[in-house]
Amino acid sequence: MFVTPAYAQAAGAGSAITSFIPLLLIFAIMYFLLIRPQQKKLKEHRAMVEALRKGDQVVTQGGVFGKVTKVKEGDEVEVEIASGVVVKVVRSTIAQVITKTEPAK
């Protein structure tokens, strides 16, 4: 009916590794479901931004459609959003490239 203290201690004295297995499984699941896809998406976005060329039609993160008129060194891109209206945009704020221009041959 009553459990002696020595018996109760022996029942909970599993190895330290088995107590960490659930923690390791949770970390593995989080890595494959959250961290890895986010890193892949970031890598694809970085490649898209690096491949910007003059003439590409883009959408910024603010939802502004425009055409790339000049790709500057560093972090800036000039985008024409209307006839004669050119704005400077940070490269990383380009959300999507709608149409790509073909490279000059």
PDB file of N, CA and C in Angstrom:
ATOM      1  N   MET A   1       0.807  -1.172   0.000  1.00  0.00           N
ATOM      2  CA  MET A   1       0.000   0.000   0.000  1.00  0.00           C
ATOM      3  C   MET A   1       0.867   1.260   0.000  1.00  0.00           C
ATOM      4  N   PHE A   2       1.835   1.372   0.903  1.00  0.00           N
ATOM      5  CA  PHE A   2       2.729   2.519   0.930  1.00  0.00           C
ATOM      6  C   PHE A   2       4.029   2.163   0.227  1.00  0.00           C
ATOM      7  N   VAL A   3       4.565   3.116  -0.482  1.00  0.00           N
ATOM      8  CA  VAL A   3       5.822   2.907  -1.191  1.00  0.00           C
ATOM      9  C   VAL A   3       6.953   3.424  -0.316  1.00  0.00           C
ATOM     10  N   THR A   4       7.967   2.616  -0.159  1.00  0.00           N
ATOM     11  CA  THR A   4       9.088   3.055   0.658  1.00  0.00           C
ATOM     12  C   THR A   4       9.875   4.119  -0.104  1.00  0.00           C
ATOM     13  N   PRO A   5      10.522   5.051   0.605  1.00  0.00           N
ATOM     14  CA  PRO A   5      11.289   6.106  -0.064  1.00  0.00           C
ATOM     15  C   PRO A   5      12.415   5.555  -0.940  1.00  0.00           C
ATOM     16  N   ALA A   6      13.057   4.483  -0.546  1.00  0.00           N
ATOM     17  CA  ALA A   6      14.143   3.922  -1.342  1.00  0.00           C
ATOM     18  C   ALA A   6      13.618   3.385  -2.669  1.00  0.00           C
ATOM     19  N   TYR A   7      12.467   2.753  -2.659  1.00  0.00           N
ATOM     20  CA  TYR A   7      11.877   2.217  -3.883  1.00  0.00           C
ATOM     21  C   TYR A   7      11.465   3.367  -4.820  1.00  0.00           C
ATOM     22  N   ALA A   8      10.929   4.432  -4.277  1.00  0.00           N
ATOM     23  CA  ALA A   8      10.501   5.570  -5.085  1.00  0.00           C
ATOM     24  C   ALA A   8      11.692   6.263  -5.721  1.00  0.00           C
ATOM     25  N   GLN A   9      12.810   6.339  -5.018  1.00  0.00           N
ATOM     26  CA  GLN A   9      13.994   6.971  -5.576  1.00  0.00           C
ATOM     27  C   GLN A   9      14.589   6.114  -6.677  1.00  0.00           C
ATOM     28  N   ALA A  10      14.555   4.835  -6.530  1.00  0.00           N
ATOM     29  CA  ALA A  10      15.111   3.939  -7.541  1.00  0.00           C
ATOM     30  C   ALA A  10      14.294   3.998  -8.821  1.00  0.00           C
ATOM     31  N   ALA A  11      13.000   4.213  -8.721  1.00  0.00           N
ATOM     32  CA  ALA A  11      12.150   4.255  -9.908  1.00  0.00           C
ATOM     33  C   ALA A  11      12.417   5.507 -10.733  1.00  0.00           C
ATOM     34  N   GLY A  12      12.791   6.619 -10.119  1.00  0.00           N
ATOM     35  CA  GLY A  12      13.041   7.858 -10.841  1.00  0.00           C
ATOM     36  C   GLY A  12      14.487   8.045 -11.236  1.00  0.00           C
ATOM     37  N   ALA A  13      15.330   7.064 -10.986  1.00  0.00           N
ATOM     38  CA  ALA A  13      16.753   7.219 -11.249  1.00  0.00           C
ATOM     39  C   ALA A  13      17.108   6.682 -12.630  1.00  0.00           C
ATOM     40  N   GLY A  14      16.456   7.210 -13.675  1.00  0.00           N
ATOM     41  CA  GLY A  14      16.801   6.818 -15.043  1.00  0.00           C
ATOM     42  C   GLY A  14      18.077   7.525 -15.466  1.00  0.00           C
ATOM     43  N   SER A  15      18.585   7.172 -16.611  1.00  0.00           N
ATOM     44  CA  SER A  15      19.817   7.814 -17.067  1.00  0.00           C
ATOM     45  C   SER A  15      19.527   9.262 -17.493  1.00  0.00           C
ATOM     46  N   ALA A  16      20.536  10.067 -17.451  1.00  0.00           N
ATOM     47  CA  ALA A  16      20.389  11.489 -17.774  1.00  0.00           C
ATOM     48  C   ALA A  16      20.046  11.684 -19.255  1.00  0.00           C
ATOM     49  N   ILE A  17      20.508  10.789 -20.074  1.00  0.00           N
ATOM     50  CA  ILE A  17      20.257  10.918 -21.517  1.00  0.00           C
ATOM     51  C   ILE A  17      18.770  10.747 -21.822  1.00  0.00           C
ATOM     52  N   THR A  18      18.125   9.819 -21.179  1.00  0.00           N
ATOM     53  CA  THR A  18      16.705   9.607 -21.461  1.00  0.00           C
ATOM     54  C   THR A  18      15.857  10.793 -21.014  1.00  0.00           C
ATOM     55  N   SER A  19      16.330  11.549 -20.048  1.00  0.00           N
ATOM     56  CA  SER A  19      15.569  12.727 -19.637  1.00  0.00           C
ATOM     57  C   SER A  19      15.736  13.874 -20.632  1.00  0.00           C
ATOM     58  N   PHE A  20      16.805  13.871 -21.433  1.00  0.00           N
ATOM     59  CA  PHE A  20      17.031  14.915 -22.430  1.00  0.00           C
ATOM     60  C   PHE A  20      16.482  14.573 -23.808  1.00  0.00           C
ATOM     61  N   ILE A  21      16.066  13.340 -24.021  1.00  0.00           N
ATOM     62  CA  ILE A  21      15.548  12.929 -25.330  1.00  0.00           C
ATOM     63  C   ILE A  21      14.339  13.762 -25.760  1.00  0.00           C
ATOM     64  N   PRO A  22      13.354  14.005 -24.906  1.00  0.00           N
ATOM     65  CA  PRO A  22      12.235  14.861 -25.344  1.00  0.00           C
ATOM     66  C   PRO A  22      12.674  16.278 -25.718  1.00  0.00           C
ATOM     67  N   LEU A  23      13.616  16.820 -24.983  1.00  0.00           N
ATOM     68  CA  LEU A  23      14.127  18.154 -25.294  1.00  0.00           C
ATOM     69  C   LEU A  23      14.832  18.169 -26.649  1.00  0.00           C
ATOM     70  N   LEU A  24      15.617  17.147 -26.919  1.00  0.00           N
ATOM     71  CA  LEU A  24      16.300  17.052 -28.209  1.00  0.00           C
ATOM     72  C   LEU A  24      15.304  16.866 -29.349  1.00  0.00           C
ATOM     73  N   LEU A  25      14.269  16.088 -29.132  1.00  0.00           N
ATOM     74  CA  LEU A  25      13.241  15.899 -30.160  1.00  0.00           C
ATOM     75  C   LEU A  25      12.501  17.203 -30.452  1.00  0.00           C
ATOM     76  N   ILE A  26      12.195  17.965 -29.427  1.00  0.00           N
ATOM     77  CA  ILE A  26      11.524  19.254 -29.626  1.00  0.00           C
ATOM     78  C   ILE A  26      12.420  20.199 -30.427  1.00  0.00           C
ATOM     79  N   PHE A  27      13.704  20.233 -30.098  1.00  0.00           N
ATOM     80  CA  PHE A  27      14.629  21.078 -30.846  1.00  0.00           C
ATOM     81  C   PHE A  27      14.725  20.641 -32.307  1.00  0.00           C
ATOM     82  N   ALA A  28      14.788  19.343 -32.561  1.00  0.00           N
ATOM     83  CA  ALA A  28      14.867  18.848 -33.936  1.00  0.00           C
ATOM     84  C   ALA A  28      13.615  19.213 -34.726  1.00  0.00           C
ATOM     85  N   ILE A  29      12.463  19.079 -34.114  1.00  0.00           N
ATOM     86  CA  ILE A  29      11.210  19.433 -34.793  1.00  0.00           C
ATOM     87  C   ILE A  29      11.177  20.929 -35.086  1.00  0.00           C
ATOM     88  N   MET A  30      11.568  21.742 -34.123  1.00  0.00           N
ATOM     89  CA  MET A  30      11.597  23.198 -34.331  1.00  0.00           C
ATOM     90  C   MET A  30      12.558  23.565 -35.450  1.00  0.00           C
ATOM     91  N   TYR A  31      13.705  22.897 -35.515  1.00  0.00           N
ATOM     92  CA  TYR A  31      14.685  23.186 -36.556  1.00  0.00           C
ATOM     93  C   TYR A  31      14.112  22.893 -37.933  1.00  0.00           C
ATOM     94  N   PHE A  32      13.525  21.727 -38.109  1.00  0.00           N
ATOM     95  CA  PHE A  32      13.043  21.335 -39.430  1.00  0.00           C
ATOM     96  C   PHE A  32      11.747  22.032 -39.834  1.00  0.00           C
ATOM     97  N   LEU A  33      10.937  22.470 -38.886  1.00  0.00           N
ATOM     98  CA  LEU A  33       9.676  23.121 -39.231  1.00  0.00           C
ATOM     99  C   LEU A  33       9.755  24.644 -39.255  1.00  0.00           C
ATOM    100  N   LEU A  34      10.679  25.245 -38.512  1.00  0.00           N
ATOM    101  CA  LEU A  34      10.734  26.706 -38.435  1.00  0.00           C
ATOM    102  C   LEU A  34      12.046  27.303 -38.929  1.00  0.00           C
ATOM    103  N   ILE A  35      13.146  26.863 -38.391  1.00  0.00           N
ATOM    104  CA  ILE A  35      14.427  27.513 -38.665  1.00  0.00           C
ATOM    105  C   ILE A  35      14.909  27.247 -40.085  1.00  0.00           C
ATOM    106  N   ARG A  36      14.910  26.013 -40.507  1.00  0.00           N
ATOM    107  CA  ARG A  36      15.430  25.656 -41.826  1.00  0.00           C
ATOM    108  C   ARG A  36      14.638  26.296 -42.969  1.00  0.00           C
ATOM    109  N   PRO A  37      13.303  26.253 -42.978  1.00  0.00           N
ATOM    110  CA  PRO A  37      12.570  26.923 -44.064  1.00  0.00           C
ATOM    111  C   PRO A  37      12.804  28.437 -44.089  1.00  0.00           C
ATOM    112  N   GLN A  38      12.947  29.058 -42.923  1.00  0.00           N
ATOM    113  CA  GLN A  38      13.194  30.498 -42.879  1.00  0.00           C
ATOM    114  C   GLN A  38      14.560  30.829 -43.462  1.00  0.00           C
ATOM    115  N   GLN A  39      15.566  30.022 -43.185  1.00  0.00           N
ATOM    116  CA  GLN A  39      16.893  30.240 -43.746  1.00  0.00           C
ATOM    117  C   GLN A  39      16.881  30.065 -45.257  1.00  0.00           C
ATOM    118  N   LYS A  40      16.119  29.089 -45.750  1.00  0.00           N
ATOM    119  CA  LYS A  40      16.021  28.857 -47.188  1.00  0.00           C
ATOM    120  C   LYS A  40      15.352  30.043 -47.876  1.00  0.00           C
ATOM    121  N   LYS A  41      14.294  30.561 -47.275  1.00  0.00           N
ATOM    122  CA  LYS A  41      13.587  31.709 -47.838  1.00  0.00           C
ATOM    123  C   LYS A  41      14.492  32.938 -47.861  1.00  0.00           C
ATOM    124  N   LEU A  42      15.247  33.154 -46.801  1.00  0.00           N
ATOM    125  CA  LEU A  42      16.168  34.279 -46.730  1.00  0.00           C
ATOM    126  C   LEU A  42      17.253  34.166 -47.794  1.00  0.00           C
ATOM    127  N   LYS A  43      17.754  32.970 -48.023  1.00  0.00           N
ATOM    128  CA  LYS A  43      18.786  32.743 -49.038  1.00  0.00           C
ATOM    129  C   LYS A  43      18.241  33.020 -50.439  1.00  0.00           C
ATOM    130  N   GLU A  44      17.004  32.600 -50.717  1.00  0.00           N
ATOM    131  CA  GLU A  44      16.386  32.864 -52.015  1.00  0.00           C
ATOM    132  C   GLU A  44      16.160  34.361 -52.221  1.00  0.00           C
ATOM    133  N   HIS A  45      15.731  35.071 -51.182  1.00  0.00           N
ATOM    134  CA  HIS A  45      15.508  36.519 -51.280  1.00  0.00           C
ATOM    135  C   HIS A  45      16.822  37.247 -51.541  1.00  0.00           C
ATOM    136  N   ARG A  46      17.878  36.834 -50.853  1.00  0.00           N
ATOM    137  CA  ARG A  46      19.184  37.447 -51.045  1.00  0.00           C
ATOM    138  C   ARG A  46      19.669  37.257 -52.476  1.00  0.00           C
ATOM    139  N   ALA A  47      19.469  36.065 -53.039  1.00  0.00           N
ATOM    140  CA  ALA A  47      19.877  35.800 -54.426  1.00  0.00           C
ATOM    141  C   ALA A  47      19.055  36.641 -55.399  1.00  0.00           C
ATOM    142  N   MET A  48      17.755  36.795 -55.138  1.00  0.00           N
ATOM    143  CA  MET A  48      16.897  37.606 -55.996  1.00  0.00           C
ATOM    144  C   MET A  48      17.342  39.067 -55.992  1.00  0.00           C
ATOM    145  N   VAL A  49      17.657  39.589 -54.821  1.00  0.00           N
ATOM    146  CA  VAL A  49      18.073  40.989 -54.706  1.00  0.00           C
ATOM    147  C   VAL A  49      19.423  41.205 -55.378  1.00  0.00           C
ATOM    148  N   GLU A  50      20.321  40.265 -55.263  1.00  0.00           N
ATOM    149  CA  GLU A  50      21.633  40.394 -55.896  1.00  0.00           C
ATOM    150  C   GLU A  50      21.532  40.338 -57.415  1.00  0.00           C
ATOM    151  N   ALA A  51      20.496  39.700 -57.954  1.00  0.00           N
ATOM    152  CA  ALA A  51      20.349  39.542 -59.401  1.00  0.00           C
ATOM    153  C   ALA A  51      19.540  40.669 -60.047  1.00  0.00           C
ATOM    154  N   LEU A  52      19.231  41.726 -59.309  1.00  0.00           N
ATOM    155  CA  LEU A  52      18.470  42.837 -59.888  1.00  0.00           C
ATOM    156  C   LEU A  52      19.249  43.507 -61.010  1.00  0.00           C
ATOM    157  N   ARG A  53      18.522  43.874 -62.081  1.00  0.00           N
ATOM    158  CA  ARG A  53      19.115  44.560 -63.227  1.00  0.00           C
ATOM    159  C   ARG A  53      18.242  45.728 -63.626  1.00  0.00           C
ATOM    160  N   LYS A  54      18.821  46.601 -64.403  1.00  0.00           N
ATOM    161  CA  LYS A  54      18.071  47.722 -64.952  1.00  0.00           C
ATOM    162  C   LYS A  54      16.975  47.170 -65.854  1.00  0.00           C
ATOM    163  N   GLY A  55      15.753  47.665 -65.668  1.00  0.00           N
ATOM    164  CA  GLY A  55      14.625  47.235 -66.482  1.00  0.00           C
ATOM    165  C   GLY A  55      13.723  46.219 -65.800  1.00  0.00           C
ATOM    166  N   ASP A  56      14.154  45.647 -64.687  1.00  0.00           N
ATOM    167  CA  ASP A  56      13.307  44.695 -63.951  1.00  0.00           C
ATOM    168  C   ASP A  56      12.112  45.429 -63.353  1.00  0.00           C
ATOM    169  N   GLN A  57      10.948  44.825 -63.423  1.00  0.00           N
ATOM    170  CA  GLN A  57       9.777  45.378 -62.761  1.00  0.00           C
ATOM    171  C   GLN A  57       9.670  44.695 -61.399  1.00  0.00           C
ATOM    172  N   VAL A  58       9.546  45.521 -60.357  1.00  0.00           N
ATOM    173  CA  VAL A  58       9.601  45.019 -58.995  1.00  0.00           C
ATOM    174  C   VAL A  58       8.440  45.541 -58.169  1.00  0.00           C
ATOM    175  N   VAL A  59       8.235  44.885 -57.021  1.00  0.00           N
ATOM    176  CA  VAL A  59       7.288  45.343 -56.013  1.00  0.00           C
ATOM    177  C   VAL A  59       8.083  45.496 -54.719  1.00  0.00           C
ATOM    178  N   THR A  60       7.928  46.650 -54.068  1.00  0.00           N
ATOM    179  CA  THR A  60       8.612  46.855 -52.793  1.00  0.00           C
ATOM    180  C   THR A  60       7.764  46.280 -51.673  1.00  0.00           C
ATOM    181  N   GLN A  61       8.317  46.215 -50.486  1.00  0.00           N
ATOM    182  CA  GLN A  61       7.574  45.698 -49.342  1.00  0.00           C
ATOM    183  C   GLN A  61       6.421  46.603 -48.961  1.00  0.00           C
ATOM    184  N   GLY A  62       6.474  47.857 -49.382  1.00  0.00           N
ATOM    185  CA  GLY A  62       5.377  48.784 -49.132  1.00  0.00           C
ATOM    186  C   GLY A  62       4.259  48.653 -50.140  1.00  0.00           C
ATOM    187  N   GLY A  63       4.437  47.796 -51.151  1.00  0.00           N
ATOM    188  CA  GLY A  63       3.403  47.574 -52.151  1.00  0.00           C
ATOM    189  C   GLY A  63       3.506  48.494 -53.350  1.00  0.00           C
ATOM    190  N   VAL A  64       4.635  49.158 -53.532  1.00  0.00           N
ATOM    191  CA  VAL A  64       4.818  50.081 -54.646  1.00  0.00           C
ATOM    192  C   VAL A  64       5.398  49.308 -55.831  1.00  0.00           C
ATOM    193  N   PHE A  65       4.709  49.403 -56.987  1.00  0.00           N
ATOM    194  CA  PHE A  65       5.196  48.795 -58.213  1.00  0.00           C
ATOM    195  C   PHE A  65       6.118  49.783 -58.903  1.00  0.00           C
ATOM    196  N   GLY A  66       7.166  49.288 -59.541  1.00  0.00           N
ATOM    197  CA  GLY A  66       8.071  50.170 -60.247  1.00  0.00           C
ATOM    198  C   GLY A  66       9.014  49.415 -61.143  1.00  0.00           C
ATOM    199  N   LYS A  67       9.835  50.193 -61.853  1.00  0.00           N
ATOM    200  CA  LYS A  67      10.806  49.630 -62.775  1.00  0.00           C
ATOM    201  C   LYS A  67      12.190  50.109 -62.352  1.00  0.00           C
ATOM    202  N   VAL A  68      13.135  49.203 -62.267  1.00  0.00           N
ATOM    203  CA  VAL A  68      14.488  49.541 -61.847  1.00  0.00           C
ATOM    204  C   VAL A  68      15.150  50.354 -62.952  1.00  0.00           C
ATOM    205  N   THR A  69      15.619  51.562 -62.597  1.00  0.00           N
ATOM    206  CA  THR A  69      16.299  52.404 -63.578  1.00  0.00           C
ATOM    207  C   THR A  69      17.803  52.392 -63.393  1.00  0.00           C
ATOM    208  N   LYS A  70      18.253  52.181 -62.165  1.00  0.00           N
ATOM    209  CA  LYS A  70      19.688  52.154 -61.906  1.00  0.00           C
ATOM    210  C   LYS A  70      19.958  51.284 -60.689  1.00  0.00           C
ATOM    211  N   VAL A  71      20.944  50.397 -60.832  1.00  0.00           N
ATOM    212  CA  VAL A  71      21.388  49.582 -59.706  1.00  0.00           C
ATOM    213  C   VAL A  71      22.720  50.155 -59.263  1.00  0.00           C
ATOM    214  N   LYS A  72      22.735  50.747 -58.082  1.00  0.00           N
ATOM    215  CA  LYS A  72      23.945  51.377 -57.572  1.00  0.00           C
ATOM    216  C   LYS A  72      24.755  50.377 -56.755  1.00  0.00           C
ATOM    217  N   GLU A  73      26.017  50.717 -56.569  1.00  0.00           N
ATOM    218  CA  GLU A  73      26.871  49.917 -55.695  1.00  0.00           C
ATOM    219  C   GLU A  73      26.370  50.036 -54.267  1.00  0.00           C
ATOM    220  N   GLY A  74      26.492  48.996 -53.526  1.00  0.00           N
ATOM    221  CA  GLY A  74      26.079  49.043 -52.129  1.00  0.00           C
ATOM    222  C   GLY A  74      24.649  48.605 -51.961  1.00  0.00           C
ATOM    223  N   ASP A  75      23.868  49.438 -51.280  1.00  0.00           N
ATOM    224  CA  ASP A  75      22.549  49.023 -50.832  1.00  0.00           C
ATOM    225  C   ASP A  75      21.397  49.755 -51.511  1.00  0.00           C
ATOM    226  N   GLU A  76      21.669  50.551 -52.547  1.00  0.00           N
ATOM    227  CA  GLU A  76      20.620  51.370 -53.153  1.00  0.00           C
ATOM    228  C   GLU A  76      20.241  50.906 -54.548  1.00  0.00           C
ATOM    229  N   VAL A  77      18.974  51.120 -54.862  1.00  0.00           N
ATOM    230  CA  VAL A  77      18.438  50.871 -56.203  1.00  0.00           C
ATOM    231  C   VAL A  77      17.514  52.042 -56.510  1.00  0.00           C
ATOM    232  N   GLU A  78      17.581  52.566 -57.732  1.00  0.00           N
ATOM    233  CA  GLU A  78      16.648  53.610 -58.137  1.00  0.00           C
ATOM    234  C   GLU A  78      15.504  52.954 -58.896  1.00  0.00           C
ATOM    235  N   VAL A  79      14.272  53.257 -58.467  1.00  0.00           N
ATOM    236  CA  VAL A  79      13.082  52.656 -59.044  1.00  0.00           C
ATOM    237  C   VAL A  79      12.172  53.769 -59.563  1.00  0.00           C
ATOM    238  N   GLU A  80      11.736  53.636 -60.819  1.00  0.00           N
ATOM    239  CA  GLU A  80      10.799  54.593 -61.402  1.00  0.00           C
ATOM    240  C   GLU A  80       9.392  54.086 -61.127  1.00  0.00           C
ATOM    241  N   ILE A  81       8.622  54.861 -60.351  1.00  0.00           N
ATOM    242  CA  ILE A  81       7.281  54.428 -59.974  1.00  0.00           C
ATOM    243  C   ILE A  81       6.208  55.073 -60.837  1.00  0.00           C
ATOM    244  N   ALA A  82       6.551  56.130 -61.567  1.00  0.00           N
ATOM    245  CA  ALA A  82       5.663  56.800 -62.517  1.00  0.00           C
ATOM    246  C   ALA A  82       6.557  57.510 -63.525  1.00  0.00           C
ATOM    247  N   SER A  83       5.979  58.030 -64.584  1.00  0.00           N
ATOM    248  CA  SER A  83       6.777  58.729 -65.592  1.00  0.00           C
ATOM    249  C   SER A  83       7.503  59.904 -64.960  1.00  0.00           C
ATOM    250  N   GLY A  84       8.817  59.843 -64.950  1.00  0.00           N
ATOM    251  CA  GLY A  84       9.627  60.919 -64.404  1.00  0.00           C
ATOM    252  C   GLY A  84       9.765  60.919 -62.892  1.00  0.00           C
ATOM    253  N   VAL A  85       9.161  59.978 -62.189  1.00  0.00           N
ATOM    254  CA  VAL A  85       9.260  59.918 -60.729  1.00  0.00           C
ATOM    255  C   VAL A  85      10.168  58.742 -60.346  1.00  0.00           C
ATOM    256  N   VAL A  86      11.358  59.085 -59.884  1.00  0.00           N
ATOM    257  CA  VAL A  86      12.343  58.064 -59.528  1.00  0.00           C
ATOM    258  C   VAL A  86      12.609  58.176 -58.027  1.00  0.00           C
ATOM    259  N   VAL A  87      12.539  57.037 -57.348  1.00  0.00           N
ATOM    260  CA  VAL A  87      12.822  56.999 -55.914  1.00  0.00           C
ATOM    261  C   VAL A  87      13.985  56.058 -55.645  1.00  0.00           C
ATOM    262  N   LYS A  88      14.733  56.384 -54.583  1.00  0.00           N
ATOM    263  CA  LYS A  88      15.817  55.500 -54.147  1.00  0.00           C
ATOM    264  C   LYS A  88      15.236  54.518 -53.147  1.00  0.00           C
ATOM    265  N   VAL A  89      15.556  53.252 -53.325  1.00  0.00           N
ATOM    266  CA  VAL A  89      15.020  52.195 -52.476  1.00  0.00           C
ATOM    267  C   VAL A  89      16.181  51.335 -51.984  1.00  0.00           C
ATOM    268  N   VAL A  90      16.102  50.905 -50.748  1.00  0.00           N
ATOM    269  CA  VAL A  90      17.097  49.974 -50.213  1.00  0.00           C
ATOM    270  C   VAL A  90      16.836  48.605 -50.841  1.00  0.00           C
ATOM    271  N   ARG A  91      17.884  47.946 -51.267  1.00  0.00           N
ATOM    272  CA  ARG A  91      17.740  46.661 -51.975  1.00  0.00           C
ATOM    273  C   ARG A  91      16.907  45.640 -51.211  1.00  0.00           C
ATOM    274  N   SER A  92      17.116  45.551 -49.924  1.00  0.00           N
ATOM    275  CA  SER A  92      16.443  44.509 -49.152  1.00  0.00           C
ATOM    276  C   SER A  92      14.941  44.740 -49.037  1.00  0.00           C
ATOM    277  N   THR A  93      14.456  45.933 -49.412  1.00  0.00           N
ATOM    278  CA  THR A  93      13.015  46.189 -49.349  1.00  0.00           C
ATOM    279  C   THR A  93      12.303  45.791 -50.626  1.00  0.00           C
ATOM    280  N   ILE A  94      13.016  45.241 -51.590  1.00  0.00           N
ATOM    281  CA  ILE A  94      12.370  44.698 -52.792  1.00  0.00           C
ATOM    282  C   ILE A  94      11.776  43.352 -52.404  1.00  0.00           C
ATOM    283  N   ALA A  95      10.459  43.235 -52.519  1.00  0.00           N
ATOM    284  CA  ALA A  95       9.788  42.017 -52.085  1.00  0.00           C
ATOM    285  C   ALA A  95       9.695  40.984 -53.205  1.00  0.00           C
ATOM    286  N   GLN A  96       9.514  41.449 -54.437  1.00  0.00           N
ATOM    287  CA  GLN A  96       9.278  40.509 -55.524  1.00  0.00           C
ATOM    288  C   GLN A  96       9.723  41.124 -56.844  1.00  0.00           C
ATOM    289  N   VAL A  97      10.258  40.304 -57.721  1.00  0.00           N
ATOM    290  CA  VAL A  97      10.569  40.730 -59.076  1.00  0.00           C
ATOM    291  C   VAL A  97       9.471  40.168 -59.970  1.00  0.00           C
ATOM    292  N   ILE A  98       8.713  41.073 -60.608  1.00  0.00           N
ATOM    293  CA  ILE A  98       7.588  40.639 -61.438  1.00  0.00           C
ATOM    294  C   ILE A  98       8.069  40.147 -62.791  1.00  0.00           C
ATOM    295  N   THR A  99       8.815  40.981 -63.499  1.00  0.00           N
ATOM    296  CA  THR A  99       9.373  40.569 -64.789  1.00  0.00           C
ATOM    297  C   THR A  99      10.855  40.857 -64.801  1.00  0.00           C
ATOM    298  N   LYS A 100      11.601  39.904 -65.275  1.00  0.00           N
ATOM    299  CA  LYS A 100      13.052  40.037 -65.377  1.00  0.00           C
ATOM    300  C   LYS A 100      13.404  40.461 -66.781  1.00  0.00           C
ATOM    301  N   THR A 101      14.438  41.297 -66.912  1.00  0.00           N
ATOM    302  CA  THR A 101      14.965  41.634 -68.227  1.00  0.00           C
ATOM    303  C   THR A 101      16.052  40.619 -68.567  1.00  0.00           C
ATOM    304  N   GLU A 102      16.190  40.391 -69.826  1.00  0.00           N
ATOM    305  CA  GLU A 102      17.221  39.457 -70.268  1.00  0.00           C
ATOM    306  C   GLU A 102      18.558  40.180 -70.282  1.00  0.00           C
ATOM    307  N   PRO A 103      19.634  39.497 -69.929  1.00  0.00           N
ATOM    308  CA  PRO A 103      20.939  40.155 -69.958  1.00  0.00           C
ATOM    309  C   PRO A 103      21.351  40.494 -71.382  1.00  0.00           C
ATOM    310  N   ALA A 104      22.118  41.575 -71.527  1.00  0.00           N
ATOM    311  CA  ALA A 104      22.597  41.988 -72.847  1.00  0.00           C
ATOM    312  C   ALA A 104      23.556  40.944 -73.390  1.00  0.00           C
ATOM    313  N   LYS A 105      23.472  40.714 -74.698  1.00  0.00           N
ATOM    314  CA  LYS A 105      24.316  39.682 -75.323  1.00  0.00           C
ATOM    315  C   LYS A 105      25.422  40.288 -76.121  1.00  0.00           C
TER     316      LYS A 105
END
